[in-house]
């Protein structure tokens, strides 16, 4: 071999390795479903389950940059979050920042893009709620607040969100008028508000009334091989409402031993839509395999690591036991302190009393009571009010102030609610005890009202 050829060998090796690597990355980019090898950094907790699908966020909408936070359009964010923002009565909509009166503020901030505050793959500066801006970013617009509100004098801007006060998108539970309305409430309300699910009635009222089903219409061999399934089905609301085997499994050649979530969606449209928005079902929403506990970043029971999560994971395949789904189903997977301490909590005592017939239906407090609450909504088709169970278990978790109106204040006063949800230790032991953290918002409102009342009396006396 010539000296020239030998000297060129490293070049050919380098060129070959480069071509192989380029070919592999091209295949990953354009053909492979799982593109996590291309990630520039760790994905936030809210999106890590769908990080295999870069194209869900990095869509074809023309924006500056490619596969950077500036390469994610608002349209991509709204595909998943638009309805949530509408329900929250977004207090910082884009239109506010397009108002010419606010032009002076926009010299310092770019609040018209979601990714200004919520960039991905920036672990070193990602705060709770996947916020990636500095804590004092809000000061560009709100520094006058410190000057004009006596109660806010001396407060640091990084205390806004941690004091149980302000949430950028939704301040419905934090307006001064709302705080004032609930100043004098006790820790536990004398008449707790309860809402019971009416899913079957909703289904029947939509024109699906049928006589009760008493005989299963499954193929004979399926009935013979699993009589326990028939017994389970016969005792359910499904059978009482005339929903038979073929309604879920299909008929004839279309029979499926394990129906997909689309089968449930035929009747439970709102529930499955919500389910796909939360961490339990968001992978299904982007055509990935179902979520498994092993994919979670929260502690999970190791024996459940590779169980696929769908409707029947919690409700059971034929019994559809709502009581089981309300608590035990959660505890079969979750292994964090909050979950493990539920059985020693006052909430569990109420739940256990209901299950054992020692208290009326609806008086117990299960995992689902707080994380899958009953809601009254307006049906988009008929315009009528409907009762539905919120199946997006993340809907009121971040920030947890979202629980104020829809959950906690059904039973508790606002002051106790605010203090409890601000107490991280109390949350971990599942509210077994009293809060040791105090949020001063109500105190400030009380002080303001007392000053106003004193001023009113002074004017009256002078006249």
Protein backbone atom coordinates (compact mmCIF):
# COMPACT_ATOMS: atom_id res chain seq x y z
CA UNK A 1 0.00 0.00 0.00
CA UNK A 2 1.39 3.40 -0.95
CA UNK A 3 2.12 6.02 1.63
CA UNK A 4 -0.41 8.31 -0.13
CA UNK A 5 -3.24 5.79 0.22
CA UNK A 6 -2.40 5.17 3.86
CA UNK A 7 -2.46 8.89 4.61
CA UNK A 8 -5.94 9.17 3.07
CA UNK A 9 -7.46 6.35 5.13
CA UNK A 10 -8.56 8.55 8.08
CA UNK A 11 -10.29 10.91 5.62
CA UNK A 12 -12.26 8.08 4.02
CA UNK A 13 -13.17 6.68 7.44
CA UNK A 14 -14.33 10.10 8.61
CA UNK A 15 -16.32 10.67 5.41
CA UNK A 16 -17.95 7.25 5.72
CA UNK A 17 -18.94 7.78 9.36
CA UNK A 18 -20.29 11.24 8.49
CA UNK A 19 -22.42 9.86 5.66
CA UNK A 20 -23.76 7.06 7.85
CA UNK A 21 -24.62 9.50 10.63
CA UNK A 22 -26.26 11.92 8.19
CA UNK A 23 -28.27 9.07 6.67
CA UNK A 24 -29.38 7.86 10.10
CA UNK A 25 -30.45 11.33 11.26
CA UNK A 26 -32.31 11.87 7.97
CA UNK A 27 -34.19 8.62 8.56
CA UNK A 28 -35.02 9.66 12.14
CA UNK A 29 -36.16 13.10 10.99
CA UNK A 30 -38.41 12.01 8.13
CA UNK A 31 -39.36 8.37 8.75
CA UNK A 32 -38.95 7.25 12.35
CA UNK A 33 -41.96 7.77 14.65
CA UNK A 34 -39.86 8.30 17.79
CA UNK A 35 -37.73 11.42 17.21
CA UNK A 36 -36.48 11.89 20.77
CA UNK A 37 -32.87 11.52 19.60
CA UNK A 38 -33.22 14.95 18.02
CA UNK A 39 -34.37 16.69 21.20
CA UNK A 40 -32.14 19.67 22.09
CA UNK A 41 -32.97 19.32 25.79
CA UNK A 42 -35.36 17.83 28.36
CA UNK A 43 -39.06 18.34 27.66
CA UNK A 44 -41.31 19.84 30.35
CA UNK A 45 -43.57 17.64 32.48
CA UNK A 46 -46.61 18.79 30.54
CA UNK A 47 -45.31 17.62 27.17
CA UNK A 48 -42.80 14.85 27.79
CA UNK A 49 -45.27 12.10 26.98
CA UNK A 50 -45.63 13.34 23.41
CA UNK A 51 -42.01 14.34 22.84
CA UNK A 52 -41.79 11.55 20.24
CA UNK A 53 -44.03 13.65 18.00
CA UNK A 54 -42.04 16.82 17.38
CA UNK A 55 -44.43 17.73 14.55
CA UNK A 56 -47.31 18.22 17.01
CA UNK A 57 -45.71 21.46 18.22
CA UNK A 58 -43.34 22.24 15.35
CA UNK A 59 -46.05 22.46 12.73
CA UNK A 60 -46.01 23.88 9.22
CA UNK A 61 -47.19 27.34 10.27
CA UNK A 62 -44.60 29.85 8.93
CA UNK A 63 -42.60 31.29 11.81
CA UNK A 64 -39.04 32.38 12.36
CA UNK A 65 -36.62 29.64 13.34
CA UNK A 66 -36.72 25.89 12.95
CA UNK A 67 -37.02 23.43 15.81
CA UNK A 68 -36.45 26.15 18.36
CA UNK A 69 -38.94 27.70 20.72
CA UNK A 70 -39.49 30.47 18.16
CA UNK A 71 -40.30 27.74 15.66
CA UNK A 72 -43.54 26.84 17.48
CA UNK A 73 -46.55 28.83 16.35
CA UNK A 74 -49.46 30.00 18.48
CA UNK A 75 -51.67 27.89 16.23
CA UNK A 76 -49.87 24.74 17.41
CA UNK A 77 -50.43 25.68 21.06
CA UNK A 78 -54.09 26.51 20.48
CA UNK A 79 -54.74 23.10 18.91
CA UNK A 80 -54.60 21.70 22.46
CA UNK A 81 -55.12 24.65 24.79
CA UNK A 82 -57.66 26.96 23.12
CA UNK A 83 -60.73 25.58 24.89
CA UNK A 84 -59.01 25.63 28.28
CA UNK A 85 -58.13 29.30 27.85
CA UNK A 86 -61.69 30.12 26.81
CA UNK A 87 -63.10 28.33 29.85
CA UNK A 88 -60.64 30.17 32.08
CA UNK A 89 -61.75 33.55 30.72
CA UNK A 90 -58.13 34.29 29.83
CA UNK A 91 -57.15 37.52 31.55
CA UNK A 92 -54.20 38.14 29.20
CA UNK A 93 -55.56 37.37 25.70
CA UNK A 94 -53.44 38.26 22.67
CA UNK A 95 -55.87 41.04 21.72
CA UNK A 96 -54.92 42.93 24.89
CA UNK A 97 -51.35 43.25 23.67
CA UNK A 98 -52.41 44.41 20.22
CA UNK A 99 -54.18 47.39 21.76
CA UNK A 100 -52.26 50.55 20.75
CA UNK A 101 -52.64 51.83 24.31
CA UNK A 102 -50.32 49.06 25.46
CA UNK A 103 -47.63 49.72 22.85
CA UNK A 104 -45.28 51.22 25.42
CA UNK A 105 -45.19 47.92 27.31
CA UNK A 106 -44.46 45.89 24.20
CA UNK A 107 -41.13 47.65 23.82
CA UNK A 108 -39.87 45.37 26.58
CA UNK A 109 -41.93 42.18 26.21
CA UNK A 110 -43.35 39.97 23.48
CA UNK A 111 -46.53 38.73 25.06
CA UNK A 112 -48.32 37.82 21.83
CA UNK A 113 -46.46 34.50 21.49
CA UNK A 114 -47.12 31.56 23.80
CA UNK A 115 -43.48 30.48 23.61
CA UNK A 116 -42.31 33.78 25.05
CA UNK A 117 -43.28 32.44 28.47
CA UNK A 118 -43.51 28.71 27.74
CA UNK A 119 -40.41 27.62 25.84
CA UNK A 120 -39.36 23.97 25.80
CA UNK A 121 -36.05 22.16 26.33
CA UNK A 122 -34.70 24.80 28.75
CA UNK A 123 -34.35 22.81 31.96
CA UNK A 124 -32.00 25.30 33.63
CA UNK A 125 -34.62 28.08 33.61
CA UNK A 126 -37.95 26.27 33.65
CA UNK A 127 -40.14 27.23 36.61
CA UNK A 128 -43.44 25.67 37.74
CA UNK A 129 -46.16 25.69 35.08
CA UNK A 130 -43.41 25.37 32.44
CA UNK A 131 -42.74 29.10 32.67
CA UNK A 132 -39.34 30.06 31.28
CA UNK A 133 -39.27 33.84 31.74
CA UNK A 134 -37.51 35.61 34.64
CA UNK A 135 -39.67 36.06 37.77
CA UNK A 136 -39.69 39.85 37.37
CA UNK A 137 -40.82 39.78 33.74
CA UNK A 138 -44.29 40.97 34.80
CA UNK A 139 -42.73 44.15 36.23
CA UNK A 140 -42.56 45.68 32.75
CA UNK A 141 -46.34 46.13 32.87
CA UNK A 142 -47.21 45.91 36.56
CA UNK A 143 -44.55 47.92 38.39
CA UNK A 144 -47.17 50.65 38.95
CA UNK A 145 -49.06 48.18 41.15
CA UNK A 146 -46.42 48.52 43.84
CA UNK A 147 -46.86 52.28 43.76
CA UNK A 148 -50.66 52.42 43.89
CA UNK A 149 -51.59 49.51 46.17
CA UNK A 150 -50.58 49.94 49.79
CA UNK A 151 -50.98 46.22 50.45
CA UNK A 152 -48.40 45.41 47.76
CA UNK A 153 -45.73 47.81 48.92
CA UNK A 154 -42.37 46.06 49.26
CA UNK A 155 -43.50 42.80 47.68
CA UNK A 156 -41.14 41.10 45.27
CA UNK A 157 -42.49 40.17 41.85
CA UNK A 158 -41.50 36.55 42.31
CA UNK A 159 -44.09 36.39 45.12
CA UNK A 160 -47.07 37.06 42.82
CA UNK A 161 -47.65 33.45 41.86
CA UNK A 162 -46.48 31.86 45.10
CA UNK A 163 -48.83 33.85 47.37
CA UNK A 164 -51.89 32.15 45.94
CA UNK A 165 -52.84 35.38 44.25
CA UNK A 166 -52.12 35.73 40.56
CA UNK A 167 -52.29 33.43 37.58
CA UNK A 168 -51.49 34.93 34.19
CA UNK A 169 -54.37 33.27 32.34
CA UNK A 170 -57.10 32.86 34.94
CA UNK A 171 -57.79 35.12 37.90
CA UNK A 172 -61.46 34.20 38.29
CA UNK A 173 -60.97 33.06 41.88
CA UNK A 174 -58.70 35.93 42.83
CA UNK A 175 -60.43 39.16 41.89
CA UNK A 176 -60.84 41.53 44.85
CA UNK A 177 -64.63 41.42 44.50
CA UNK A 178 -64.61 37.63 44.75
CA UNK A 179 -62.33 37.69 47.78
CA UNK A 180 -64.57 40.25 49.43
CA UNK A 181 -67.66 38.11 48.84
CA UNK A 182 -66.13 35.18 50.74
CA UNK A 183 -64.34 36.96 53.58
CA UNK A 184 -66.31 35.55 56.49
CA UNK A 185 -66.65 31.90 55.49
CA UNK A 186 -65.82 29.16 58.03
CA UNK A 187 -63.26 26.43 57.34
CA UNK A 188 -66.05 23.89 56.68
CA UNK A 189 -69.32 25.07 55.17
CA UNK A 190 -72.52 24.05 57.02
CA UNK A 191 -74.18 22.79 53.81
CA UNK A 192 -71.64 21.35 51.37
CA UNK A 193 -72.62 21.45 47.72
CA UNK A 194 -72.71 18.09 45.95
CA UNK A 195 -73.24 17.23 42.30
CA UNK A 196 -74.03 13.67 41.23
CA UNK A 197 -73.21 12.44 37.74
CA UNK A 198 -76.12 12.03 35.35
CA UNK A 199 -74.32 10.54 32.34
CA UNK A 200 -77.01 7.93 31.64
CA UNK A 201 -79.79 10.51 31.77
CA UNK A 202 -77.79 12.74 29.44
CA UNK A 203 -77.39 9.87 26.98
CA UNK A 204 -81.08 8.98 27.08
CA UNK A 205 -82.20 12.60 26.71
CA UNK A 206 -80.11 12.83 23.53
CA UNK A 207 -82.59 10.50 21.82
CA UNK A 208 -81.10 7.14 22.79
CA UNK A 209 -83.94 5.79 24.93
CA UNK A 210 -84.15 1.98 24.82
CA UNK A 211 -85.71 -0.73 26.95
CA UNK A 212 -83.34 -2.37 29.45
CA UNK A 213 -81.15 -5.16 28.03
CA UNK A 214 -81.59 -8.51 29.74
CA UNK A 215 -80.05 -10.89 27.18
CA UNK A 216 -76.50 -10.35 25.86
CA UNK A 217 -76.15 -10.28 22.07
CA UNK A 218 -72.51 -11.40 22.02
CA UNK A 219 -71.50 -14.47 19.95
CA UNK A 220 -72.38 -17.71 21.76
CA UNK A 221 -68.76 -18.80 22.12
CA UNK A 222 -67.84 -15.51 23.84
CA UNK A 223 -70.77 -15.86 26.27
CA UNK A 224 -69.87 -19.45 27.07
CA UNK A 225 -66.20 -18.66 27.67
CA UNK A 226 -66.78 -15.68 29.98
CA UNK A 227 -70.06 -15.92 31.91
CA UNK A 228 -68.66 -13.59 34.58
CA UNK A 229 -68.58 -10.80 31.97
CA UNK A 230 -72.28 -11.29 31.32
CA UNK A 231 -73.04 -11.12 35.04
CA UNK A 232 -70.97 -7.95 35.41
CA UNK A 233 -72.68 -6.28 32.44
CA UNK A 234 -76.19 -7.23 33.59
CA UNK A 235 -75.78 -5.22 36.81
CA UNK A 236 -74.57 -2.02 35.15
CA UNK A 237 -76.22 1.21 34.04
CA UNK A 238 -75.34 0.11 30.51
CA UNK A 239 -77.74 -2.83 30.67
CA UNK A 240 -80.38 -0.69 32.38
CA UNK A 241 -80.13 1.84 29.54
CA UNK A 242 -80.34 -0.84 26.83
CA UNK A 243 -76.66 -0.79 25.87
CA UNK A 244 -75.76 -4.33 24.78
CA UNK A 245 -72.51 -6.13 23.95
CA UNK A 246 -72.56 -5.24 20.25
CA UNK A 247 -72.82 -1.52 21.01
CA UNK A 248 -69.24 -1.64 22.28
CA UNK A 249 -67.74 -4.72 20.63
CA UNK A 250 -69.38 -4.43 17.19
CA UNK A 251 -71.48 -6.91 15.26
CA UNK A 252 -70.57 -9.93 13.15
CA UNK A 253 -67.21 -9.65 11.41
CA UNK A 254 -66.65 -6.25 13.03
CA UNK A 255 -66.55 -7.80 16.54
CA UNK A 256 -63.58 -6.70 18.67
CA UNK A 257 -62.66 -8.55 21.84
CA UNK A 258 -61.10 -5.37 23.24
CA UNK A 259 -62.87 -2.28 21.88
CA UNK A 260 -60.80 0.85 21.32
CA UNK A 261 -61.49 4.16 23.04
CA UNK A 262 -63.45 5.23 19.96
CA UNK A 263 -66.14 2.76 21.01
CA UNK A 264 -66.56 4.58 24.34
CA UNK A 265 -66.56 7.92 22.52
CA UNK A 266 -69.70 6.93 20.64
CA UNK A 267 -71.74 7.70 23.76
CA UNK A 268 -69.25 9.39 26.08
CA UNK A 269 -68.03 12.07 23.68
CA UNK A 270 -67.28 14.78 26.24
CA UNK A 271 -65.55 12.36 28.60
CA UNK A 272 -63.21 10.97 25.93
CA UNK A 273 -62.43 14.45 24.63
CA UNK A 274 -61.41 15.49 28.13
CA UNK A 275 -59.46 12.25 28.66
CA UNK A 276 -57.33 12.94 25.58
CA UNK A 277 -56.40 16.37 26.94
CA UNK A 278 -54.90 15.08 30.19
CA UNK A 279 -51.70 13.17 30.80
CA UNK A 280 -53.63 9.91 30.98
CA UNK A 281 -54.82 10.16 27.39
CA UNK A 282 -52.79 12.80 25.59
CA UNK A 283 -50.67 10.22 23.76
CA UNK A 284 -53.81 8.81 22.14
CA UNK A 285 -54.69 12.31 20.97
CA UNK A 286 -51.55 12.42 18.80
CA UNK A 287 -51.79 8.80 17.58
CA UNK A 288 -49.16 7.34 19.90
CA UNK A 289 -49.51 4.17 21.95
CA UNK A 290 -51.46 4.47 25.22
CA UNK A 291 -49.72 5.94 28.25
CA UNK A 292 -48.07 3.49 30.66
CA UNK A 293 -47.16 4.29 34.29
CA UNK A 294 -43.49 3.70 33.40
CA UNK A 295 -43.66 6.85 31.28
CA UNK A 296 -44.71 9.07 34.19
CA UNK A 297 -42.39 11.38 36.09
CA UNK A 298 -44.37 10.93 39.30
CA UNK A 299 -43.70 7.86 41.50
CA UNK A 300 -45.70 4.85 40.26
CA UNK A 301 -46.20 1.30 41.50
CA UNK A 302 -43.50 -0.82 39.80
CA UNK A 303 -45.86 -3.76 39.23
CA UNK A 304 -48.07 -1.51 37.07
CA UNK A 305 -45.21 -0.08 35.02
CA UNK A 306 -46.25 -1.44 31.63
CA UNK A 307 -50.03 -1.48 31.93
CA UNK A 308 -51.64 0.46 29.08
CA UNK A 309 -54.05 3.16 30.18
CA UNK A 310 -57.46 3.53 28.60
CA UNK A 311 -61.08 3.78 29.81
CA UNK A 312 -61.26 0.22 31.11
CA UNK A 313 -58.03 0.61 33.10
CA UNK A 314 -60.03 2.54 35.69
CA UNK A 315 -63.63 1.52 35.05
CA UNK A 316 -63.17 -2.18 34.35
CA UNK A 317 -64.08 -3.89 31.11
CA UNK A 318 -67.67 -4.96 31.96
CA UNK A 319 -68.60 -3.79 35.45
CA UNK A 320 -67.67 -0.15 34.79
CA UNK A 321 -67.55 0.37 38.52
CA UNK A 322 -67.53 4.10 39.21
CA UNK A 323 -66.77 3.58 42.89
CA UNK A 324 -63.64 1.61 42.03
CA UNK A 325 -62.65 4.16 39.40
CA UNK A 326 -63.06 7.00 41.90
CA UNK A 327 -60.25 5.95 44.24
CA UNK A 328 -58.89 2.40 44.10
CA UNK A 329 -58.10 2.70 40.40
CA UNK A 330 -55.91 5.73 41.13
CA UNK A 331 -54.10 4.02 44.00
CA UNK A 332 -53.33 0.93 41.92
CA UNK A 333 -50.82 3.00 39.91
CA UNK A 334 -49.85 6.15 41.83
CA UNK A 335 -47.19 5.79 44.52
CA UNK A 336 -46.61 9.38 45.67
CA UNK A 337 -47.08 10.66 49.24
CA UNK A 338 -50.34 12.44 48.48
CA UNK A 339 -51.93 9.25 47.15
CA UNK A 340 -50.50 6.91 49.77
CA UNK A 341 -51.76 9.13 52.60
CA UNK A 342 -55.34 9.22 51.29
CA UNK A 343 -56.46 6.24 53.39
CA UNK A 344 -55.51 8.11 56.60
CA UNK A 345 -57.18 11.38 55.61
CA UNK A 346 -60.48 12.95 56.72
CA UNK A 347 -61.58 12.82 53.08
CA UNK A 348 -61.19 9.03 53.03
CA UNK A 349 -63.23 8.73 56.22
CA UNK A 350 -66.12 10.46 54.43
CA UNK A 351 -65.64 8.29 51.35
CA UNK A 352 -65.53 5.10 53.40
CA UNK A 353 -68.73 6.08 55.24
CA UNK A 354 -70.55 6.53 51.93
CA UNK A 355 -69.30 3.21 50.54
CA UNK A 356 -70.48 1.40 53.67
CA UNK A 357 -73.92 2.98 53.59
CA UNK A 358 -73.32 5.09 56.69
CA UNK A 359 -73.64 8.38 54.81
CA UNK A 360 -75.77 9.58 51.86
CA UNK A 361 -74.59 9.23 48.27
CA UNK A 362 -72.43 12.14 47.21
CA UNK A 363 -71.13 12.97 50.69
CA UNK A 364 -67.87 11.05 50.34
CA UNK A 365 -64.66 12.61 49.04
CA UNK A 366 -62.66 10.35 46.72
CA UNK A 367 -59.73 11.06 44.42
CA UNK A 368 -62.24 11.70 41.63
CA UNK A 369 -64.21 14.20 43.73
CA UNK A 370 -61.29 16.61 43.50
CA UNK A 371 -59.40 15.54 40.36
CA UNK A 372 -62.31 14.44 38.16
CA UNK A 373 -65.04 16.79 39.39
CA UNK A 374 -68.62 16.94 38.17
CA UNK A 375 -69.22 19.99 35.99
CA UNK A 376 -72.21 21.64 34.40
CA UNK A 377 -71.52 22.70 30.82
CA UNK A 378 -73.41 24.00 27.83
CA UNK A 379 -73.73 21.44 25.05
CA UNK A 380 -72.27 22.96 21.88
CA UNK A 381 -74.93 21.29 19.70
CA UNK A 382 -78.16 21.71 21.63
CA UNK A 383 -77.24 24.70 23.79
CA UNK A 384 -78.67 22.94 26.85
CA UNK A 385 -76.96 22.50 30.21
CA UNK A 386 -75.44 19.06 30.75
CA UNK A 387 -73.73 17.40 33.72
CA UNK A 388 -70.41 15.77 32.89
CA UNK A 389 -67.47 14.29 34.78
CA UNK A 390 -64.27 16.13 33.86
CA UNK A 391 -61.95 13.35 32.67
CA UNK A 392 -58.91 15.56 32.16
CA UNK A 393 -57.34 14.91 35.56
CA UNK A 394 -54.87 17.75 34.97
CA UNK A 395 -57.52 20.38 34.30
CA UNK A 396 -57.47 21.88 37.81
CA UNK A 397 -54.01 20.90 39.03
CA UNK A 398 -51.76 23.58 37.55
CA UNK A 399 -51.99 26.01 39.16
CA UNK A 400 -54.00 24.43 41.94
CA UNK A 401 -55.92 27.68 42.45
CA UNK A 402 -58.16 26.28 39.71
CA UNK A 403 -59.57 23.98 42.39
CA UNK A 404 -60.99 26.86 44.42
CA UNK A 405 -64.36 27.31 42.77
CA UNK A 406 -64.94 23.95 41.13
CA UNK A 407 -63.90 21.67 44.00
CA UNK A 408 -62.72 22.95 47.38
CA UNK A 409 -65.28 25.69 47.87
CA UNK A 410 -68.10 23.20 47.53
CA UNK A 411 -67.26 22.19 51.10
CA UNK A 412 -64.78 24.74 52.50
CA UNK A 413 -64.51 28.48 52.96
CA UNK A 414 -62.20 30.45 50.69
CA UNK A 415 -59.67 31.35 53.39
CA UNK A 416 -59.19 27.75 54.50
CA UNK A 417 -59.02 26.69 50.85
CA UNK A 418 -56.31 29.19 49.95
CA UNK A 419 -54.16 28.32 52.96
CA UNK A 420 -54.53 24.58 52.40
CA UNK A 421 -53.57 24.64 48.74
CA UNK A 422 -50.58 26.85 49.50
CA UNK A 423 -49.29 24.36 52.10
CA UNK A 424 -47.14 21.84 50.24
CA UNK A 425 -46.68 19.67 53.35
CA UNK A 426 -50.43 19.51 53.93
CA UNK A 427 -50.99 18.45 50.33
CA UNK A 428 -48.44 15.66 50.66
CA UNK A 429 -50.14 14.21 53.75
CA UNK A 430 -53.49 14.50 51.94
CA UNK A 431 -54.96 17.27 54.08
CA UNK A 432 -54.72 15.36 57.33
CA UNK A 433 -54.51 18.35 59.67
CA UNK A 434 -54.76 22.12 59.47
CA UNK A 435 -52.77 24.40 57.15
CA UNK A 436 -49.60 25.92 58.57
CA UNK A 437 -49.28 28.39 55.69
CA UNK A 438 -51.27 31.60 55.56
CA UNK A 439 -52.10 33.52 52.38
CA UNK A 440 -52.58 37.20 53.18
CA UNK A 441 -54.89 38.11 50.28
CA UNK A 442 -58.07 38.05 52.36
CA UNK A 443 -56.38 40.06 55.13
CA UNK A 444 -55.48 42.75 52.62
CA UNK A 445 -59.03 42.91 51.27
CA UNK A 446 -60.36 43.13 54.84
CA UNK A 447 -57.97 46.00 55.60
CA UNK A 448 -59.05 47.86 52.47
CA UNK A 449 -62.73 47.43 53.35
CA UNK A 450 -62.13 48.60 56.91
CA UNK A 451 -60.38 51.73 55.64
CA UNK A 452 -63.21 52.41 53.20
CA UNK A 453 -65.78 51.97 55.95
CA UNK A 454 -63.83 54.29 58.27
CA UNK A 455 -63.62 56.87 55.47
CA UNK A 456 -67.37 56.57 54.81
CA UNK A 457 -68.20 57.12 58.49
CA UNK A 458 -65.86 60.09 58.63
CA UNK A 459 -67.66 61.71 55.70
CA UNK A 460 -71.06 61.01 57.26
CA UNK A 461 -70.02 62.54 60.59
CA UNK A 462 -68.65 65.63 58.91
CA UNK A 463 -71.95 66.21 57.17
